[in-house]
Amino acid sequence: MEIQLDFITGENDKKEDIVITKTFVENHTKAKLIRRAIAIENENNLNQITIETLDIMADFLCDVYHNKFTREELYDGLDSAKLLSTYRETVREVIYGVTSILDTFPEEQQ
């Protein structure tokens, strides 16, 4: 999984923001995040998102990437149109990425 965030590092001579895009890659997802992803999905009405639910989703994304960025950096650095889709894709990858790996295990011989 990967996520790209923009960080404003200053202004140029024209008073325009200097933006650096950082890419965060996560190849090792802790198993506890599967449980947390399912709990978030079950405990929150994702059709009527509240500020609290949004913060829960943002914190989950931070945890998936081992807190290499903060909730505020996520909010500031991710395009608003991508926040919900990034969350949903990450949850799908955490939950179904593991189950798809389980499907590759050989079946037990009887």
C-alpha atoms as a PDB file:
ATOM      1  CA  MET A   1       0.000   0.000   0.000  1.00  0.00           C
ATOM      2  CA  GLU A   2       1.081   3.532  -0.507  1.00  0.00           C
ATOM      3  CA  ILE A   3      -0.151   7.027   0.178  1.00  0.00           C
ATOM      4  CA  GLN A   4       1.133  10.360  -1.118  1.00  0.00           C
ATOM      5  CA  LEU A   5       0.922  13.501   0.991  1.00  0.00           C
ATOM      6  CA  ASP A   6       1.863  17.072   0.116  1.00  0.00           C
ATOM      7  CA  PHE A   7       3.895  19.082   2.617  1.00  0.00           C
ATOM      8  CA  ILE A   8       4.211  22.869   2.355  1.00  0.00           C
ATOM      9  CA  THR A   9       7.801  23.793   3.141  1.00  0.00           C
ATOM     10  CA  GLY A  10       7.689  27.544   2.570  1.00  0.00           C
ATOM     11  CA  GLU A  11       7.012  30.160  -0.092  1.00  0.00           C
ATOM     12  CA  ASN A  12       8.887  31.130  -3.228  1.00  0.00           C
ATOM     13  CA  ASP A  13       9.590  34.695  -4.396  1.00  0.00           C
ATOM     14  CA  LYS A  14       6.095  34.919  -5.904  1.00  0.00           C
ATOM     15  CA  LYS A  15       4.508  34.081  -2.530  1.00  0.00           C
ATOM     16  CA  GLU A  16       3.445  30.659  -3.854  1.00  0.00           C
ATOM     17  CA  ASP A  17       3.644  27.636  -1.606  1.00  0.00           C
ATOM     18  CA  ILE A  18       6.614  25.334  -2.066  1.00  0.00           C
ATOM     19  CA  VAL A  19       5.137  21.848  -1.953  1.00  0.00           C
ATOM     20  CA  ILE A  20       7.015  18.597  -1.518  1.00  0.00           C
ATOM     21  CA  THR A  21       5.144  15.360  -2.135  1.00  0.00           C
ATOM     22  CA  LYS A  22       6.180  12.431   0.038  1.00  0.00           C
ATOM     23  CA  THR A  23       5.208   8.851  -0.679  1.00  0.00           C
ATOM     24  CA  PHE A  24       4.738   6.464   2.216  1.00  0.00           C
ATOM     25  CA  VAL A  25       4.821   2.743   1.477  1.00  0.00           C
ATOM     26  CA  GLU A  26       3.627   0.022   3.804  1.00  0.00           C
ATOM     27  CA  ASN A  27       4.331  -3.615   3.062  1.00  0.00           C
ATOM     28  CA  HIS A  28       3.890  -5.029   6.566  1.00  0.00           C
ATOM     29  CA  THR A  29       0.452  -4.653   8.086  1.00  0.00           C
ATOM     30  CA  LYS A  30      -0.037  -5.777  11.657  1.00  0.00           C
ATOM     31  CA  ALA A  31      -2.790  -8.326  12.175  1.00  0.00           C
ATOM     32  CA  LYS A  32      -4.437  -6.185  14.851  1.00  0.00           C
ATOM     33  CA  LEU A  33      -5.380  -3.714  12.124  1.00  0.00           C
ATOM     34  CA  ILE A  34      -7.715  -6.279  10.556  1.00  0.00           C
ATOM     35  CA  ARG A  35      -9.715  -6.367  13.779  1.00  0.00           C
ATOM     36  CA  ARG A  36      -9.678  -2.589  14.024  1.00  0.00           C
ATOM     37  CA  ALA A  37     -10.773  -2.129  10.403  1.00  0.00           C
ATOM     38  CA  ILE A  38     -13.722  -4.474  10.900  1.00  0.00           C
ATOM     39  CA  ALA A  39     -14.661  -2.709  14.139  1.00  0.00           C
ATOM     40  CA  ILE A  40     -14.590   0.712  12.474  1.00  0.00           C
ATOM     41  CA  GLU A  41     -16.747  -0.568   9.643  1.00  0.00           C
ATOM     42  CA  ASN A  42     -19.258  -2.174  12.048  1.00  0.00           C
ATOM     43  CA  GLU A  43     -19.415   0.591  14.659  1.00  0.00           C
ATOM     44  CA  ASN A  44     -19.727   3.608  12.381  1.00  0.00           C
ATOM     45  CA  ASN A  45     -22.353   4.650   9.883  1.00  0.00           C
ATOM     46  CA  LEU A  46     -20.076   5.430   6.974  1.00  0.00           C
ATOM     47  CA  ASN A  47     -23.011   6.827   4.993  1.00  0.00           C
ATOM     48  CA  GLN A  48     -23.354   9.705   7.495  1.00  0.00           C
ATOM     49  CA  ILE A  49     -19.808  10.571   8.474  1.00  0.00           C
ATOM     50  CA  THR A  50     -19.301  12.760  11.527  1.00  0.00           C
ATOM     51  CA  ILE A  51     -16.174  14.648  12.530  1.00  0.00           C
ATOM     52  CA  GLU A  52     -15.465  11.930  15.092  1.00  0.00           C
ATOM     53  CA  THR A  53     -15.789   9.209  12.451  1.00  0.00           C
ATOM     54  CA  LEU A  54     -13.497  11.139  10.133  1.00  0.00           C
ATOM     55  CA  ASP A  55     -10.886  11.364  12.890  1.00  0.00           C
ATOM     56  CA  ILE A  56     -11.208   7.602  13.539  1.00  0.00           C
ATOM     57  CA  MET A  57     -10.619   6.940   9.841  1.00  0.00           C
ATOM     58  CA  ALA A  58      -7.640   9.315   9.744  1.00  0.00           C
ATOM     59  CA  ASP A  59      -6.118   7.726  12.849  1.00  0.00           C
ATOM     60  CA  PHE A  60      -6.536   4.304  11.261  1.00  0.00           C
ATOM     61  CA  LEU A  61      -4.619   5.468   8.177  1.00  0.00           C
ATOM     62  CA  CYS A  62      -1.868   6.858  10.401  1.00  0.00           C
ATOM     63  CA  ASP A  63      -1.635   3.518  12.230  1.00  0.00           C
ATOM     64  CA  VAL A  64      -1.454   1.527   8.998  1.00  0.00           C
ATOM     65  CA  TYR A  65       1.594   3.587   8.020  1.00  0.00           C
ATOM     66  CA  HIS A  66       3.146   3.236  11.507  1.00  0.00           C
ATOM     67  CA  ASN A  67       2.514   6.904  12.362  1.00  0.00           C
ATOM     68  CA  LYS A  68       5.033   8.181   9.832  1.00  0.00           C
ATOM     69  CA  PHE A  69       2.683  11.164   9.540  1.00  0.00           C
ATOM     70  CA  THR A  70       0.140  12.724  11.891  1.00  0.00           C
ATOM     71  CA  ARG A  71      -3.601  13.126  11.529  1.00  0.00           C
ATOM     72  CA  GLU A  72      -3.081  16.837  10.825  1.00  0.00           C
ATOM     73  CA  GLU A  73      -0.445  16.097   8.176  1.00  0.00           C
ATOM     74  CA  LEU A  74      -2.880  13.672   6.571  1.00  0.00           C
ATOM     75  CA  TYR A  75      -5.672  16.269   6.576  1.00  0.00           C
ATOM     76  CA  ASP A  76      -3.345  18.963   5.227  1.00  0.00           C
ATOM     77  CA  GLY A  77      -1.488  16.812   2.726  1.00  0.00           C
ATOM     78  CA  LEU A  78      -4.153  14.633   1.117  1.00  0.00           C
ATOM     79  CA  ASP A  79      -6.533  15.997  -1.486  1.00  0.00           C
ATOM     80  CA  SER A  80     -10.022  16.161   0.008  1.00  0.00           C
ATOM     81  CA  ALA A  81     -11.470  14.189  -2.892  1.00  0.00           C
ATOM     82  CA  LYS A  82      -9.156  11.288  -2.032  1.00  0.00           C
ATOM     83  CA  LEU A  83      -9.673  10.974   1.731  1.00  0.00           C
ATOM     84  CA  LEU A  84     -12.651   8.614   1.781  1.00  0.00           C
ATOM     85  CA  SER A  85     -11.480   6.539  -1.173  1.00  0.00           C
ATOM     86  CA  THR A  86      -8.009   6.229   0.368  1.00  0.00           C
ATOM     87  CA  TYR A  87      -9.545   5.044   3.624  1.00  0.00           C
ATOM     88  CA  ARG A  88     -11.809   2.520   1.881  1.00  0.00           C
ATOM     89  CA  GLU A  89      -9.012   1.195  -0.335  1.00  0.00           C
ATOM     90  CA  THR A  90      -6.756   0.814   2.695  1.00  0.00           C
ATOM     91  CA  VAL A  91      -9.421  -1.064   4.663  1.00  0.00           C
ATOM     92  CA  ARG A  92     -10.055  -3.306   1.674  1.00  0.00           C
ATOM     93  CA  GLU A  93      -6.329  -3.997   1.349  1.00  0.00           C
ATOM     94  CA  VAL A  94      -5.918  -4.701   5.073  1.00  0.00           C
ATOM     95  CA  ILE A  95      -8.907  -7.048   5.279  1.00  0.00           C
ATOM     96  CA  TYR A  96      -8.981  -8.688   1.869  1.00  0.00           C
ATOM     97  CA  GLY A  97      -5.253  -8.615   1.238  1.00  0.00           C
ATOM     98  CA  VAL A  98      -4.864 -11.020   4.127  1.00  0.00           C
ATOM     99  CA  THR A  99      -7.777 -13.242   3.168  1.00  0.00           C
ATOM    100  CA  SER A 100      -6.536 -13.503  -0.407  1.00  0.00           C
ATOM    101  CA  ILE A 101      -3.183 -14.718   0.932  1.00  0.00           C
ATOM    102  CA  LEU A 102      -4.986 -17.300   3.055  1.00  0.00           C
ATOM    103  CA  ASP A 103      -6.648 -18.616  -0.120  1.00  0.00           C
ATOM    104  CA  THR A 104      -3.210 -19.587  -1.435  1.00  0.00           C
ATOM    105  CA  PHE A 105      -2.455 -21.998   1.417  1.00  0.00           C
ATOM    106  CA  PRO A 106      -2.623 -25.653   0.382  1.00  0.00           C
ATOM    107  CA  GLU A 107      -5.706 -27.489   1.484  1.00  0.00           C
ATOM    108  CA  GLU A 108      -5.367 -30.017   4.247  1.00  0.00           C
ATOM    109  CA  GLN A 109      -5.325 -33.605   3.022  1.00  0.00           C
ATOM    110  CA  GLN A 110      -7.865 -35.912   4.630  1.00  0.00           C
END
